[in-house]
C-alpha cells in the first residue's frame, strides 16, 4: 500500500473515530440532562430509566472495538492497483470496454 493511501486511510479512520466519539458524548450529555429534568416529575420512573440506560451503556462500551487492518475501501483499492500492475493491457481493455458501454448508454438516453 502506498504511503499516500495509508495516510488518507489513517486520517479518515481518526476523523470517523473523533466524530463518533463527539456524537456519543453529546448523546450522553443530552440524556443526562433529560433524566435530571425528569427527576422532579417522576423520581421513581426516572431512576429506573437511569439504571436501564447505565446498563445499556456499559454493554455498548464493551462491544466497541477498533478496526483491525485497513478499511474495506482501502483493501479494494490496493487489490485493484495490484491487478492493474500485473495485467496492464487487460486493464486498458477493461477501461475501454467500460467507456464504450457508458457512451452507448449516454447516446441512447439522448435520443
Protein backbone atom coordinates (compact mmCIF):
# COMPACT_ATOMS: atom_id res chain seq x y z
CA UNK A 1 0.00 0.00 0.00
CA UNK A 2 1.39 3.41 -0.90
CA UNK A 3 2.15 5.93 1.83
CA UNK A 4 -0.45 8.33 0.44
CA UNK A 5 -3.23 5.75 0.69
CA UNK A 6 -2.06 4.81 4.19
CA UNK A 7 -2.07 8.47 5.26
CA UNK A 8 -5.55 9.06 3.84
CA UNK A 9 -6.84 5.87 5.46
CA UNK A 10 -5.38 6.82 8.84
CA UNK A 11 -6.80 10.33 8.59
CA UNK A 12 -10.27 9.07 7.67
CA UNK A 13 -10.20 6.48 10.46
CA UNK A 14 -9.17 9.10 13.05
CA UNK A 15 -11.78 11.58 11.77
CA UNK A 16 -14.53 8.95 11.95
CA UNK A 17 -13.44 7.99 15.48
CA UNK A 18 -13.44 11.63 16.64
CA UNK A 19 -16.87 12.34 15.13
CA UNK A 20 -18.39 9.18 16.59
CA UNK A 21 -16.89 9.94 20.00
CA UNK A 22 -18.22 13.52 19.89
CA UNK A 23 -21.72 12.35 18.93
CA UNK A 24 -21.73 9.75 21.69
CA UNK A 25 -20.63 12.33 24.25
CA UNK A 26 -23.33 14.75 23.08
CA UNK A 27 -25.92 11.95 23.31
CA UNK A 28 -24.81 11.16 26.86
CA UNK A 29 -24.93 14.82 27.89
CA UNK A 30 -28.43 15.27 26.47
CA UNK A 31 -29.64 12.05 28.06
CA UNK A 32 -28.29 13.06 31.46
CA UNK A 33 -29.92 16.49 31.11
CA UNK A 34 -33.27 14.91 30.23
CA UNK A 35 -33.04 12.49 33.12
CA UNK A 36 -32.12 15.29 35.52
CA UNK A 37 -35.08 17.37 34.30
CA UNK A 38 -37.39 14.38 34.66
CA UNK A 39 -36.28 13.72 38.24
CA UNK A 40 -38.57 16.44 39.52
CA UNK A 41 -41.59 14.98 37.71
CA UNK A 42 -41.36 11.24 38.29
CA UNK A 43 -38.48 10.23 40.50
CA UNK A 44 -39.34 6.52 40.54
CA UNK A 45 -39.56 6.13 36.73
CA UNK A 46 -36.54 8.31 36.14
CA UNK A 47 -34.38 6.21 38.43
CA UNK A 48 -35.45 3.05 36.59
CA UNK A 49 -34.68 4.69 33.25
CA UNK A 50 -31.28 5.84 34.52
CA UNK A 51 -30.41 2.30 35.66
CA UNK A 52 -31.51 0.78 32.35
CA UNK A 53 -29.54 3.39 30.40
CA UNK A 54 -26.44 2.82 32.54
CA UNK A 55 -26.69 -0.95 31.99
CA UNK A 56 -27.12 -0.43 28.24
CA UNK A 57 -24.14 1.93 28.01
CA UNK A 58 -21.93 -0.48 29.94
CA UNK A 59 -22.76 -3.16 27.38
CA UNK A 60 -22.07 -0.79 24.49
CA UNK A 61 -18.72 0.26 25.95
CA UNK A 62 -17.57 -3.35 25.98
CA UNK A 63 -18.66 -4.08 22.41
CA UNK A 64 -16.85 -1.11 20.82
CA UNK A 65 -13.58 -2.30 19.31
CA UNK A 66 -11.13 -0.58 16.97
CA UNK A 67 -10.97 -1.71 13.36
CA UNK A 68 -8.44 -4.42 12.63
CA UNK A 69 -6.44 -3.87 9.47
CA UNK A 70 -7.23 -1.47 6.67
CA UNK A 71 -10.83 -0.49 5.86
CA UNK A 72 -12.58 -2.39 3.04
CA UNK A 73 -12.27 0.50 0.55
CA UNK A 74 -8.51 0.69 1.10
CA UNK A 75 -8.21 -3.07 0.60
CA UNK A 76 -10.26 -2.89 -2.62
CA UNK A 77 -8.13 -0.04 -4.00
CA UNK A 78 -4.97 -1.96 -3.16
CA UNK A 79 -6.27 -5.12 -4.85
CA UNK A 80 -7.35 -3.17 -7.94
CA UNK A 81 -3.95 -1.50 -8.14
CA UNK A 82 -2.23 -4.87 -7.86
CA UNK A 83 -4.41 -6.28 -10.65
CA UNK A 84 -3.70 -3.32 -12.92
CA UNK A 85 0.05 -3.56 -12.29
CA UNK A 86 0.02 -7.30 -13.00
CA UNK A 87 -2.16 -7.02 -16.15
CA UNK A 88 -1.76 -3.56 -17.72
CA UNK A 89 -3.20 -4.45 -21.14
CA UNK A 90 -6.20 -6.19 -19.63
CA UNK A 91 -6.81 -3.07 -17.55
CA UNK A 92 -6.65 -0.88 -20.67
CA UNK A 93 -9.11 -3.21 -22.43
CA UNK A 94 -11.47 -3.21 -19.45
CA UNK A 95 -11.36 0.59 -19.24
CA UNK A 96 -12.05 0.88 -22.98
CA UNK A 97 -14.97 -1.55 -22.68
CA UNK A 98 -16.48 0.39 -19.77
CA UNK A 99 -16.02 3.65 -21.69
CA UNK A 100 -17.74 2.16 -24.74
CA UNK A 101 -20.68 0.89 -22.67
CA UNK A 102 -21.10 4.24 -20.93
CA UNK A 103 -21.01 6.16 -24.20
CA UNK A 104 -23.61 3.82 -25.73
CA UNK A 105 -25.88 4.26 -22.72
CA UNK A 106 -25.50 8.05 -22.79
CA UNK A 107 -26.19 8.22 -26.52
CA UNK A 108 -29.24 6.02 -26.11
CA UNK A 109 -30.70 8.30 -23.41
CA UNK A 110 -30.17 11.42 -25.54
CA UNK A 111 -32.30 10.14 -28.42
